[in-house]
PDB file of N, CA and C in Angstrom:
ATOM      1  N   MET A   1      -1.267  -0.767   7.834  1.00  0.00           N
ATOM      2  CA  MET A   1      -1.383  -0.163   6.527  1.00  0.00           C
ATOM      3  C   MET A   1      -1.618  -1.273   5.506  1.00  0.00           C
ATOM      4  N   THR A   2      -2.637  -1.112   4.682  1.00  0.00           N
ATOM      5  CA  THR A   2      -3.000  -2.093   3.678  1.00  0.00           C
ATOM      6  C   THR A   2      -2.237  -1.802   2.385  1.00  0.00           C
ATOM      7  N   LEU A   3      -1.276  -2.657   2.081  1.00  0.00           N
ATOM      8  CA  LEU A   3      -0.471  -2.479   0.875  1.00  0.00           C
ATOM      9  C   LEU A   3      -0.628  -3.680  -0.045  1.00  0.00           C
ATOM     10  N   PRO A   4      -0.584  -3.454  -1.359  1.00  0.00           N
ATOM     11  CA  PRO A   4      -0.596  -4.582  -2.293  1.00  0.00           C
ATOM     12  C   PRO A   4       0.636  -5.472  -2.060  1.00  0.00           C
ATOM     13  N   GLN A   5       0.522  -6.739  -2.383  1.00  0.00           N
ATOM     14  CA  GLN A   5       1.616  -7.683  -2.146  1.00  0.00           C
ATOM     15  C   GLN A   5       2.902  -7.248  -2.832  1.00  0.00           C
ATOM     16  N   SER A   6       2.800  -6.726  -4.047  1.00  0.00           N
ATOM     17  CA  SER A   6       4.010  -6.311  -4.769  1.00  0.00           C
ATOM     18  C   SER A   6       4.754  -5.210  -4.014  1.00  0.00           C
ATOM     19  N   ILE A   7       4.032  -4.307  -3.403  1.00  0.00           N
ATOM     20  CA  ILE A   7       4.654  -3.221  -2.642  1.00  0.00           C
ATOM     21  C   ILE A   7       5.200  -3.757  -1.322  1.00  0.00           C
ATOM     22  N   ARG A   8       4.498  -4.704  -0.707  1.00  0.00           N
ATOM     23  CA  ARG A   8       5.023  -5.333   0.532  1.00  0.00           C
ATOM     24  C   ARG A   8       6.324  -6.057   0.239  1.00  0.00           C
ATOM     25  N   ASP A   9       6.411  -6.707  -0.926  1.00  0.00           N
ATOM     26  CA  ASP A   9       7.648  -7.400  -1.299  1.00  0.00           C
ATOM     27  C   ASP A   9       8.807  -6.416  -1.423  1.00  0.00           C
ATOM     28  N   ILE A  10       8.546  -5.280  -2.042  1.00  0.00           N
ATOM     29  CA  ILE A  10       9.585  -4.260  -2.175  1.00  0.00           C
ATOM     30  C   ILE A  10       9.955  -3.708  -0.800  1.00  0.00           C
ATOM     31  N   ALA A  11       8.951  -3.477   0.045  1.00  0.00           N
ATOM     32  CA  ALA A  11       9.221  -2.969   1.397  1.00  0.00           C
ATOM     33  C   ALA A  11      10.052  -3.954   2.210  1.00  0.00           C
ATOM     34  N   ASP A  12       9.796  -5.248   2.031  1.00  0.00           N
ATOM     35  CA  ASP A  12      10.612  -6.257   2.727  1.00  0.00           C
ATOM     36  C   ASP A  12      12.064  -6.185   2.268  1.00  0.00           C
ATOM     37  N   LEU A  13      12.269  -5.793   1.026  1.00  0.00           N
ATOM     38  CA  LEU A  13      13.607  -5.727   0.454  1.00  0.00           C
ATOM     39  C   LEU A  13      14.357  -4.462   0.866  1.00  0.00           C
ATOM     40  N   ILE A  14      13.689  -3.297   0.771  1.00  0.00           N
ATOM     41  CA  ILE A  14      14.400  -2.033   0.976  1.00  0.00           C
ATOM     42  C   ILE A  14      13.887  -1.206   2.150  1.00  0.00           C
ATOM     43  N   GLY A  15      12.820  -1.653   2.810  1.00  0.00           N
ATOM     44  CA  GLY A  15      12.271  -0.913   3.947  1.00  0.00           C
ATOM     45  C   GLY A  15      11.053  -0.094   3.542  1.00  0.00           C
ATOM     46  N   LEU A  16      10.126   0.062   4.474  1.00  0.00           N
ATOM     47  CA  LEU A  16       8.860   0.743   4.185  1.00  0.00           C
ATOM     48  C   LEU A  16       9.029   2.228   3.876  1.00  0.00           C
ATOM     49  N   PRO A  17       9.789   2.994   4.654  1.00  0.00           N
ATOM     50  CA  PRO A  17       9.887   4.430   4.338  1.00  0.00           C
ATOM     51  C   PRO A  17      10.448   4.695   2.942  1.00  0.00           C
ATOM     52  N   VAL A  18      11.448   3.932   2.546  1.00  0.00           N
ATOM     53  CA  VAL A  18      12.050   4.100   1.222  1.00  0.00           C
ATOM     54  C   VAL A  18      11.065   3.648   0.145  1.00  0.00           C
ATOM     55  N   THR A  19      10.344   2.580   0.412  1.00  0.00           N
ATOM     56  CA  THR A  19       9.342   2.095  -0.535  1.00  0.00           C
ATOM     57  C   THR A  19       8.255   3.139  -0.750  1.00  0.00           C
ATOM     58  N   MET A  20       7.841   3.806   0.313  1.00  0.00           N
ATOM     59  CA  MET A  20       6.805   4.825   0.173  1.00  0.00           C
ATOM     60  C   MET A  20       7.318   6.020  -0.634  1.00  0.00           C
ATOM     61  N   ALA A  21       8.612   6.310  -0.579  1.00  0.00           N
ATOM     62  CA  ALA A  21       9.191   7.347  -1.442  1.00  0.00           C
ATOM     63  C   ALA A  21       9.075   6.906  -2.907  1.00  0.00           C
ATOM     64  N   LEU A  22       9.311   5.630  -3.157  1.00  0.00           N
ATOM     65  CA  LEU A  22       9.162   5.069  -4.499  1.00  0.00           C
ATOM     66  C   LEU A  22       7.710   5.194  -4.963  1.00  0.00           C
ATOM     67  N   VAL A  23       6.777   4.893  -4.074  1.00  0.00           N
ATOM     68  CA  VAL A  23       5.345   4.984  -4.392  1.00  0.00           C
ATOM     69  C   VAL A  23       4.951   6.429  -4.683  1.00  0.00           C
ATOM     70  N   ARG A  24       5.427   7.373  -3.871  1.00  0.00           N
ATOM     71  CA  ARG A  24       5.096   8.778  -4.109  1.00  0.00           C
ATOM     72  C   ARG A  24       5.610   9.248  -5.474  1.00  0.00           C
ATOM     73  N   HIS A  25       6.765   8.776  -5.861  1.00  0.00           N
ATOM     74  CA  HIS A  25       7.374   9.229  -7.113  1.00  0.00           C
ATOM     75  C   HIS A  25       6.819   8.497  -8.344  1.00  0.00           C
ATOM     76  N   TYR A  26       6.706   7.182  -8.255  1.00  0.00           N
ATOM     77  CA  TYR A  26       6.318   6.372  -9.416  1.00  0.00           C
ATOM     78  C   TYR A  26       4.910   5.784  -9.317  1.00  0.00           C
ATOM     79  N   GLY A  27       4.189   6.054  -8.240  1.00  0.00           N
ATOM     80  CA  GLY A  27       2.886   5.435  -8.029  1.00  0.00           C
ATOM     81  C   GLY A  27       1.932   5.606  -9.189  1.00  0.00           C
ATOM     82  N   GLY A  28       1.321   4.509  -9.590  1.00  0.00           N
ATOM     83  CA  GLY A  28       0.368   4.513 -10.693  1.00  0.00           C
ATOM     84  C   GLY A  28       1.012   4.325 -12.050  1.00  0.00           C
ATOM     85  N   SER A  29       2.289   3.990 -12.060  1.00  0.00           N
ATOM     86  CA  SER A  29       2.976   3.804 -13.339  1.00  0.00           C
ATOM     87  C   SER A  29       3.870   2.571 -13.288  1.00  0.00           C
ATOM     88  N   VAL A  30       4.393   2.232 -14.444  1.00  0.00           N
ATOM     89  CA  VAL A  30       5.315   1.104 -14.512  1.00  0.00           C
ATOM     90  C   VAL A  30       6.742   1.629 -14.456  1.00  0.00           C
ATOM     91  N   LEU A  31       7.609   0.831 -13.891  1.00  0.00           N
ATOM     92  CA  LEU A  31       9.016   1.182 -13.760  1.00  0.00           C
ATOM     93  C   LEU A  31       9.838   0.110 -14.454  1.00  0.00           C
ATOM     94  N   LYS A  32      10.582   0.514 -15.456  1.00  0.00           N
ATOM     95  CA  LYS A  32      11.507  -0.395 -16.143  1.00  0.00           C
ATOM     96  C   LYS A  32      12.813  -0.339 -15.354  1.00  0.00           C
ATOM     97  N   VAL A  33      13.075  -1.403 -14.613  1.00  0.00           N
ATOM     98  CA  VAL A  33      14.251  -1.441 -13.749  1.00  0.00           C
ATOM     99  C   VAL A  33      15.491  -1.644 -14.610  1.00  0.00           C
ATOM    100  N   PRO A  34      16.494  -0.791 -14.402  1.00  0.00           N
ATOM    101  CA  PRO A  34      17.711  -0.925 -15.217  1.00  0.00           C
ATOM    102  C   PRO A  34      18.385  -2.276 -15.017  1.00  0.00           C
ATOM    103  N   VAL A  35      19.181  -2.650 -16.008  1.00  0.00           N
ATOM    104  CA  VAL A  35      19.899  -3.919 -15.966  1.00  0.00           C
ATOM    105  C   VAL A  35      21.279  -3.687 -15.364  1.00  0.00           C
ATOM    106  N   GLY A  36      21.615  -4.493 -14.358  1.00  0.00           N
ATOM    107  CA  GLY A  36      22.957  -4.494 -13.786  1.00  0.00           C
ATOM    108  C   GLY A  36      23.478  -3.126 -13.414  1.00  0.00           C
ATOM    109  N   LYS A  37      24.745  -2.884 -13.730  1.00  0.00           N
ATOM    110  CA  LYS A  37      25.425  -1.651 -13.346  1.00  0.00           C
ATOM    111  C   LYS A  37      25.421  -0.593 -14.450  1.00  0.00           C
ATOM    112  N   MET A  38      24.698  -0.865 -15.540  1.00  0.00           N
ATOM    113  CA  MET A  38      24.685   0.074 -16.659  1.00  0.00           C
ATOM    114  C   MET A  38      24.107   1.418 -16.226  1.00  0.00           C
ATOM    115  N   ALA A  39      24.777   2.506 -16.628  1.00  0.00           N
ATOM    116  CA  ALA A  39      24.301   3.845 -16.305  1.00  0.00           C
ATOM    117  C   ALA A  39      23.055   4.154 -17.127  1.00  0.00           C
ATOM    118  N   SER A  40      22.084   4.776 -16.477  1.00  0.00           N
ATOM    119  CA  SER A  40      20.875   5.204 -17.166  1.00  0.00           C
ATOM    120  C   SER A  40      20.219   6.296 -16.345  1.00  0.00           C
ATOM    121  N   GLN A  41      19.301   7.004 -16.975  1.00  0.00           N
ATOM    122  CA  GLN A  41      18.575   8.052 -16.268  1.00  0.00           C
ATOM    123  C   GLN A  41      17.753   7.444 -15.133  1.00  0.00           C
ATOM    124  N   THR A  42      17.111   6.304 -15.391  1.00  0.00           N
ATOM    125  CA  THR A  42      16.300   5.658 -14.360  1.00  0.00           C
ATOM    126  C   THR A  42      17.164   5.235 -13.175  1.00  0.00           C
ATOM    127  N   ARG A  43      18.335   4.701 -13.453  1.00  0.00           N
ATOM    128  CA  ARG A  43      19.256   4.292 -12.390  1.00  0.00           C
ATOM    129  C   ARG A  43      19.631   5.497 -11.521  1.00  0.00           C
ATOM    130  N   SER A  44      19.958   6.615 -12.161  1.00  0.00           N
ATOM    131  CA  SER A  44      20.304   7.836 -11.428  1.00  0.00           C
ATOM    132  C   SER A  44      19.128   8.327 -10.589  1.00  0.00           C
ATOM    133  N   GLU A  45      17.921   8.293 -11.173  1.00  0.00           N
ATOM    134  CA  GLU A  45      16.723   8.708 -10.440  1.00  0.00           C
ATOM    135  C   GLU A  45      16.509   7.829  -9.211  1.00  0.00           C
ATOM    136  N   LEU A  46      16.658   6.520  -9.387  1.00  0.00           N
ATOM    137  CA  LEU A  46      16.460   5.601  -8.262  1.00  0.00           C
ATOM    138  C   LEU A  46      17.482   5.851  -7.161  1.00  0.00           C
ATOM    139  N   ILE A  47      18.726   6.095  -7.528  1.00  0.00           N
ATOM    140  CA  ILE A  47      19.762   6.364  -6.527  1.00  0.00           C
ATOM    141  C   ILE A  47      19.452   7.660  -5.786  1.00  0.00           C
ATOM    142  N   ASP A  48      19.047   8.697  -6.520  1.00  0.00           N
ATOM    143  CA  ASP A  48      18.697   9.971  -5.886  1.00  0.00           C
ATOM    144  C   ASP A  48      17.485   9.819  -4.972  1.00  0.00           C
ATOM    145  N   LEU A  49      16.515   9.046  -5.409  1.00  0.00           N
ATOM    146  CA  LEU A  49      15.259   8.889  -4.678  1.00  0.00           C
ATOM    147  C   LEU A  49      15.384   7.975  -3.468  1.00  0.00           C
ATOM    148  N   LEU A  50      16.052   6.831  -3.646  1.00  0.00           N
ATOM    149  CA  LEU A  50      16.080   5.793  -2.619  1.00  0.00           C
ATOM    150  C   LEU A  50      17.383   5.741  -1.832  1.00  0.00           C
ATOM    151  N   GLY A  51      18.412   6.364  -2.350  1.00  0.00           N
ATOM    152  CA  GLY A  51      19.744   6.213  -1.773  1.00  0.00           C
ATOM    153  C   GLY A  51      20.444   5.066  -2.475  1.00  0.00           C
ATOM    154  N   PRO A  52      21.783   5.085  -2.479  1.00  0.00           N
ATOM    155  CA  PRO A  52      22.517   4.072  -3.247  1.00  0.00           C
ATOM    156  C   PRO A  52      22.288   2.640  -2.770  1.00  0.00           C
ATOM    157  N   GLY A  53      22.205   2.414  -1.473  1.00  0.00           N
ATOM    158  CA  GLY A  53      22.032   1.056  -0.962  1.00  0.00           C
ATOM    159  C   GLY A  53      20.710   0.437  -1.371  1.00  0.00           C
ATOM    160  N   ALA A  54      19.617   1.155  -1.119  1.00  0.00           N
ATOM    161  CA  ALA A  54      18.286   0.645  -1.452  1.00  0.00           C
ATOM    162  C   ALA A  54      18.116   0.533  -2.967  1.00  0.00           C
ATOM    163  N   ALA A  55      18.636   1.510  -3.709  1.00  0.00           N
ATOM    164  CA  ALA A  55      18.527   1.456  -5.170  1.00  0.00           C
ATOM    165  C   ALA A  55      19.240   0.228  -5.713  1.00  0.00           C
ATOM    166  N   GLU A  56      20.423  -0.059  -5.213  1.00  0.00           N
ATOM    167  CA  GLU A  56      21.171  -1.229  -5.684  1.00  0.00           C
ATOM    168  C   GLU A  56      20.436  -2.533  -5.348  1.00  0.00           C
ATOM    169  N   LEU A  57      19.836  -2.609  -4.160  1.00  0.00           N
ATOM    170  CA  LEU A  57      19.062  -3.804  -3.798  1.00  0.00           C
ATOM    171  C   LEU A  57      17.884  -3.996  -4.750  1.00  0.00           C
ATOM    172  N   LEU A  58      17.173  -2.907  -5.030  1.00  0.00           N
ATOM    173  CA  LEU A  58      16.024  -2.970  -5.923  1.00  0.00           C
ATOM    174  C   LEU A  58      16.454  -3.374  -7.334  1.00  0.00           C
ATOM    175  N   ILE A  59      17.520  -2.762  -7.820  1.00  0.00           N
ATOM    176  CA  ILE A  59      18.011  -3.066  -9.165  1.00  0.00           C
ATOM    177  C   ILE A  59      18.494  -4.512  -9.254  1.00  0.00           C
ATOM    178  N   LYS A  60      19.196  -4.954  -8.237  1.00  0.00           N
ATOM    179  CA  LYS A  60      19.694  -6.330  -8.251  1.00  0.00           C
ATOM    180  C   LYS A  60      18.524  -7.326  -8.286  1.00  0.00           C
ATOM    181  N   ARG A  61      17.501  -7.080  -7.487  1.00  0.00           N
ATOM    182  CA  ARG A  61      16.365  -8.003  -7.387  1.00  0.00           C
ATOM    183  C   ARG A  61      15.483  -7.992  -8.634  1.00  0.00           C
ATOM    184  N   TYR A  62      15.239  -6.798  -9.197  1.00  0.00           N
ATOM    185  CA  TYR A  62      14.285  -6.660 -10.299  1.00  0.00           C
ATOM    186  C   TYR A  62      14.954  -6.284 -11.623  1.00  0.00           C
ATOM    187  N   SER A  63      16.239  -6.485 -11.747  1.00  0.00           N
ATOM    188  CA  SER A  63      17.013  -6.089 -12.924  1.00  0.00           C
ATOM    189  C   SER A  63      16.346  -6.525 -14.227  1.00  0.00           C
ATOM    190  N   GLY A  64      16.097  -5.548 -15.098  1.00  0.00           N
ATOM    191  CA  GLY A  64      15.520  -5.826 -16.405  1.00  0.00           C
ATOM    192  C   GLY A  64      14.022  -6.028 -16.419  1.00  0.00           C
ATOM    193  N   GLU A  65      13.384  -6.067 -15.256  1.00  0.00           N
ATOM    194  CA  GLU A  65      11.934  -6.286 -15.198  1.00  0.00           C
ATOM    195  C   GLU A  65      11.187  -4.962 -15.313  1.00  0.00           C
ATOM    196  N   THR A  66       9.963  -5.057 -15.762  1.00  0.00           N
ATOM    197  CA  THR A  66       9.049  -3.929 -15.737  1.00  0.00           C
ATOM    198  C   THR A  66       8.058  -4.213 -14.618  1.00  0.00           C
ATOM    199  N   ILE A  67       8.053  -3.354 -13.610  1.00  0.00           N
ATOM    200  CA  ILE A  67       7.173  -3.580 -12.459  1.00  0.00           C
ATOM    201  C   ILE A  67       6.186  -2.423 -12.325  1.00  0.00           C
ATOM    202  N   TYR A  68       4.977  -2.768 -11.940  1.00  0.00           N
ATOM    203  CA  TYR A  68       3.954  -1.760 -11.701  1.00  0.00           C
ATOM    204  C   TYR A  68       4.084  -1.278 -10.267  1.00  0.00           C
ATOM    205  N   ILE A  69       4.170   0.021 -10.099  1.00  0.00           N
ATOM    206  CA  ILE A  69       4.225   0.621  -8.764  1.00  0.00           C
ATOM    207  C   ILE A  69       2.836   1.172  -8.464  1.00  0.00           C
ATOM    208  N   SER A  70       2.159   0.527  -7.554  1.00  0.00           N
ATOM    209  CA  SER A  70       0.793   0.907  -7.185  1.00  0.00           C
ATOM    210  C   SER A  70       0.773   2.300  -6.556  1.00  0.00           C
ATOM    211  N   ARG A  71      -0.340   2.986  -6.701  1.00  0.00           N
ATOM    212  CA  ARG A  71      -0.517   4.277  -6.052  1.00  0.00           C
ATOM    213  C   ARG A  71      -0.704   4.113  -4.547  1.00  0.00           C
ATOM    214  N   CYS A  72      -1.138   2.944  -4.133  1.00  0.00           N
ATOM    215  CA  CYS A  72      -1.377   2.650  -2.711  1.00  0.00           C
ATOM    216  C   CYS A  72      -2.348   3.653  -2.090  1.00  0.00           C
ATOM    217  N   ALA A  73      -3.396   3.982  -2.828  1.00  0.00           N
ATOM    218  CA  ALA A  73      -4.352   4.994  -2.390  1.00  0.00           C
ATOM    219  C   ALA A  73      -4.987   4.638  -1.049  1.00  0.00           C
ATOM    220  N   ASP A  74      -5.353   3.371  -0.856  1.00  0.00           N
ATOM    221  CA  ASP A  74      -5.976   2.977   0.407  1.00  0.00           C
ATOM    222  C   ASP A  74      -5.022   3.169   1.581  1.00  0.00           C
ATOM    223  N   ALA A  75      -3.779   2.775   1.397  1.00  0.00           N
ATOM    224  CA  ALA A  75      -2.789   2.912   2.462  1.00  0.00           C
ATOM    225  C   ALA A  75      -2.508   4.379   2.769  1.00  0.00           C
ATOM    226  N   LYS A  76      -2.413   5.192   1.730  1.00  0.00           N
ATOM    227  CA  LYS A  76      -2.182   6.625   1.937  1.00  0.00           C
ATOM    228  C   LYS A  76      -3.359   7.257   2.679  1.00  0.00           C
ATOM    229  N   ARG A  77      -4.572   6.854   2.304  1.00  0.00           N
ATOM    230  CA  ARG A  77      -5.765   7.388   2.956  1.00  0.00           C
ATOM    231  C   ARG A  77      -5.806   6.968   4.425  1.00  0.00           C
ATOM    232  N   GLU A  78      -5.482   5.709   4.702  1.00  0.00           N
ATOM    233  CA  GLU A  78      -5.442   5.242   6.094  1.00  0.00           C
ATOM    234  C   GLU A  78      -4.426   6.036   6.903  1.00  0.00           C
ATOM    235  N   ASP A  79      -3.260   6.263   6.313  1.00  0.00           N
ATOM    236  CA  ASP A  79      -2.207   7.016   6.988  1.00  0.00           C
ATOM    237  C   ASP A  79      -2.654   8.456   7.243  1.00  0.00           C
ATOM    238  N   ARG A  80      -3.238   9.082   6.228  1.00  0.00           N
ATOM    239  CA  ARG A  80      -3.749  10.454   6.386  1.00  0.00           C
ATOM    240  C   ARG A  80      -4.799  10.516   7.486  1.00  0.00           C
ATOM    241  N   ASN A  81      -5.715   9.561   7.499  1.00  0.00           N
ATOM    242  CA  ASN A  81      -6.774   9.566   8.501  1.00  0.00           C
ATOM    243  C   ASN A  81      -6.222   9.387   9.913  1.00  0.00           C
ATOM    244  N   ARG A  82      -5.206   8.542  10.067  1.00  0.00           N
ATOM    245  CA  ARG A  82      -4.568   8.394  11.384  1.00  0.00           C
ATOM    246  C   ARG A  82      -3.934   9.711  11.831  1.00  0.00           C
ATOM    247  N   LYS A  83      -3.324  10.421  10.892  1.00  0.00           N
ATOM    248  CA  LYS A  83      -2.715  11.712  11.218  1.00  0.00           C
ATOM    249  C   LYS A  83      -3.777  12.732  11.607  1.00  0.00           C
ATOM    250  N   ILE A  84      -4.903  12.727  10.895  1.00  0.00           N
ATOM    251  CA  ILE A  84      -5.999  13.647  11.222  1.00  0.00           C
ATOM    252  C   ILE A  84      -6.505  13.375  12.629  1.00  0.00           C
ATOM    253  N   ILE A  85      -6.708  12.121  12.966  1.00  0.00           N
ATOM    254  CA  ILE A  85      -7.191  11.761  14.299  1.00  0.00           C
ATOM    255  C   ILE A  85      -6.181  12.170  15.366  1.00  0.00           C
ATOM    256  N   ALA A  86      -4.909  11.929  15.109  1.00  0.00           N
ATOM    257  CA  ALA A  86      -3.867  12.314  16.066  1.00  0.00           C
ATOM    258  C   ALA A  86      -3.823  13.831  16.242  1.00  0.00           C
ATOM    259  N   ASP A  87      -3.921  14.578  15.143  1.00  0.00           N
ATOM    260  CA  ASP A  87      -3.925  16.042  15.230  1.00  0.00           C
ATOM    261  C   ASP A  87      -5.139  16.535  16.018  1.00  0.00           C
ATOM    262  N   PHE A  88      -6.294  15.916  15.788  1.00  0.00           N
ATOM    263  CA  PHE A  88      -7.498  16.290  16.523  1.00  0.00           C
ATOM    264  C   PHE A  88      -7.318  16.006  18.014  1.00  0.00           C
ATOM    265  N   ASP A  89      -6.749  14.848  18.330  1.00  0.00           N
ATOM    266  CA  ASP A  89      -6.507  14.487  19.725  1.00  0.00           C
ATOM    267  C   ASP A  89      -5.523  15.438  20.399  1.00  0.00           C
ATOM    268  N   GLU A  90      -4.648  16.067  19.601  1.00  0.00           N
ATOM    269  CA  GLU A  90      -3.695  17.039  20.140  1.00  0.00           C
ATOM    270  C   GLU A  90      -4.312  18.425  20.272  1.00  0.00           C
ATOM    271  N   GLY A  91      -5.591  18.562  19.870  1.00  0.00           N
ATOM    272  CA  GLY A  91      -6.284  19.823  20.085  1.00  0.00           C
ATOM    273  C   GLY A  91      -6.552  20.678  18.866  1.00  0.00           C
ATOM    274  N   LYS A  92      -6.192  20.211  17.680  1.00  0.00           N
ATOM    275  CA  LYS A  92      -6.481  20.998  16.490  1.00  0.00           C
ATOM    276  C   LYS A  92      -7.974  20.965  16.192  1.00  0.00           C
ATOM    277  N   SER A  93      -8.487  22.083  15.711  1.00  0.00           N
ATOM    278  CA  SER A  93      -9.914  22.177  15.421  1.00  0.00           C
ATOM    279  C   SER A  93     -10.235  21.527  14.079  1.00  0.00           C
ATOM    280  N   VAL A  94     -11.511  21.244  13.889  1.00  0.00           N
ATOM    281  CA  VAL A  94     -11.969  20.678  12.625  1.00  0.00           C
ATOM    282  C   VAL A  94     -11.678  21.651  11.488  1.00  0.00           C
ATOM    283  N   LEU A  95     -11.840  22.930  11.735  1.00  0.00           N
ATOM    284  CA  LEU A  95     -11.556  23.934  10.709  1.00  0.00           C
ATOM    285  C   LEU A  95     -10.080  23.901  10.310  1.00  0.00           C
ATOM    286  N   ASP A  96      -9.186  23.843  11.311  1.00  0.00           N
ATOM    287  CA  ASP A  96      -7.751  23.759  11.017  1.00  0.00           C
ATOM    288  C   ASP A  96      -7.426  22.483  10.241  1.00  0.00           C
ATOM    289  N   LEU A  97      -8.026  21.388  10.662  1.00  0.00           N
ATOM    290  CA  LEU A  97      -7.774  20.109   9.985  1.00  0.00           C
ATOM    291  C   LEU A  97      -8.242  20.150   8.532  1.00  0.00           C
ATOM    292  N   SER A  98      -9.414  20.710   8.309  1.00  0.00           N
ATOM    293  CA  SER A  98      -9.933  20.757   6.940  1.00  0.00           C
ATOM    294  C   SER A  98      -9.037  21.620   6.058  1.00  0.00           C
ATOM    295  N   ARG A  99      -8.512  22.695   6.590  1.00  0.00           N
ATOM    296  CA  ARG A  99      -7.596  23.546   5.821  1.00  0.00           C
ATOM    297  C   ARG A  99      -6.257  22.844   5.584  1.00  0.00           C
ATOM    298  N   ASN A 100      -5.706  22.225   6.624  1.00  0.00           N
ATOM    299  CA  ASN A 100      -4.394  21.576   6.521  1.00  0.00           C
ATOM    300  C   ASN A 100      -4.397  20.386   5.563  1.00  0.00           C
ATOM    301  N   TYR A 101      -5.494  19.648   5.536  1.00  0.00           N
ATOM    302  CA  TYR A 101      -5.545  18.423   4.736  1.00  0.00           C
ATOM    303  C   TYR A 101      -6.335  18.597   3.434  1.00  0.00           C
ATOM    304  N   GLY A 102      -6.864  19.790   3.198  1.00  0.00           N
ATOM    305  CA  GLY A 102      -7.587  20.038   1.956  1.00  0.00           C
ATOM    306  C   GLY A 102      -8.880  19.260   1.841  1.00  0.00           C
ATOM    307  N   LEU A 103      -9.538  19.065   2.971  1.00  0.00           N
ATOM    308  CA  LEU A 103     -10.802  18.320   2.999  1.00  0.00           C
ATOM    309  C   LEU A 103     -11.908  19.214   3.530  1.00  0.00           C
ATOM    310  N   SER A 104     -13.138  18.838   3.253  1.00  0.00           N
ATOM    311  CA  SER A 104     -14.268  19.589   3.798  1.00  0.00           C
ATOM    312  C   SER A 104     -14.434  19.254   5.281  1.00  0.00           C
ATOM    313  N   ASN A 105     -15.155  20.149   5.993  1.00  0.00           N
ATOM    314  CA  ASN A 105     -15.460  19.877   7.403  1.00  0.00           C
ATOM    315  C   ASN A 105     -16.202  18.559   7.542  1.00  0.00           C
ATOM    316  N   ARG A 106     -17.141  18.316   6.631  1.00  0.00           N
ATOM    317  CA  ARG A 106     -17.929  17.083   6.691  1.00  0.00           C
ATOM    318  C   ARG A 106     -17.022  15.855   6.577  1.00  0.00           C
ATOM    319  N   SER A 107     -16.025  15.909   5.692  1.00  0.00           N
ATOM    320  CA  SER A 107     -15.096  14.783   5.559  1.00  0.00           C
ATOM    321  C   SER A 107     -14.298  14.569   6.837  1.00  0.00           C
ATOM    322  N   ILE A 108     -13.870  15.658   7.448  1.00  0.00           N
ATOM    323  CA  ILE A 108     -13.130  15.548   8.715  1.00  0.00           C
ATOM    324  C   ILE A 108     -14.026  14.930   9.780  1.00  0.00           C
ATOM    325  N   TYR A 109     -15.252  15.407   9.875  1.00  0.00           N
ATOM    326  CA  TYR A 109     -16.185  14.819  10.850  1.00  0.00           C
ATOM    327  C   TYR A 109     -16.389  13.333  10.589  1.00  0.00           C
ATOM    328  N   THR A 110     -16.509  12.952   9.338  1.00  0.00           N
ATOM    329  CA  THR A 110     -16.680  11.533   9.001  1.00  0.00           C
ATOM    330  C   THR A 110     -15.473  10.721   9.437  1.00  0.00           C
ATOM    331  N   ILE A 111     -14.276  11.240   9.180  1.00  0.00           N
ATOM    332  CA  ILE A 111     -13.049  10.545   9.603  1.00  0.00           C
ATOM    333  C   ILE A 111     -13.005  10.416  11.117  1.00  0.00           C
ATOM    334  N   LEU A 112     -13.388  11.485  11.804  1.00  0.00           N
ATOM    335  CA  LEU A 112     -13.382  11.468  13.269  1.00  0.00           C
ATOM    336  C   LEU A 112     -14.583  10.738  13.843  1.00  0.00           C
ATOM    337  N   LYS A 113     -15.555  10.429  12.980  1.00  0.00           N
ATOM    338  CA  LYS A 113     -16.783   9.756  13.383  1.00  0.00           C
ATOM    339  C   LYS A 113     -17.523  10.551  14.460  1.00  0.00           C
ATOM    340  N   LEU A 114     -17.545  11.852  14.242  1.00  0.00           N
ATOM    341  CA  LEU A 114     -18.263  12.762  15.135  1.00  0.00           C
ATOM    342  C   LEU A 114     -19.524  13.221  14.433  1.00  0.00           C
ATOM    343  N   SER A 115     -20.519  13.611  15.188  1.00  0.00           N
ATOM    344  CA  SER A 115     -21.734  14.132  14.579  1.00  0.00           C
ATOM    345  C   SER A 115     -21.579  15.634  14.361  1.00  0.00           C
ATOM    346  N   ILE A 116     -22.238  16.109  13.313  1.00  0.00           N
ATOM    347  CA  ILE A 116     -22.138  17.529  12.984  1.00  0.00           C
ATOM    348  C   ILE A 116     -23.093  18.323  13.832  1.00  0.00           C
TER     349      ILE A 116
END
């Protein structure tokens, strides 16, 4: 999965699955990381989203900083395409795949590198 360095750094700190939850929630925006143990709405959101352990690690490392959380569009697309290929290999039809993933048949064929 191709991730920007800033997101890889966060993943090294709190783990990839938790980082991807952060990306899904805050992707494409900046995050003002709360300072220390002070209560705030952002702190509560991070704890709810990441769990207390990962949230505390993130807050401790980036306390008071404003960090950009990338959308990671390329990585998400790569992940989606791998899932499409796996579903196709398990026997799902192109029509089912196009409906499930919200893509045209032509896009599914392109991902599968099959001829129409």
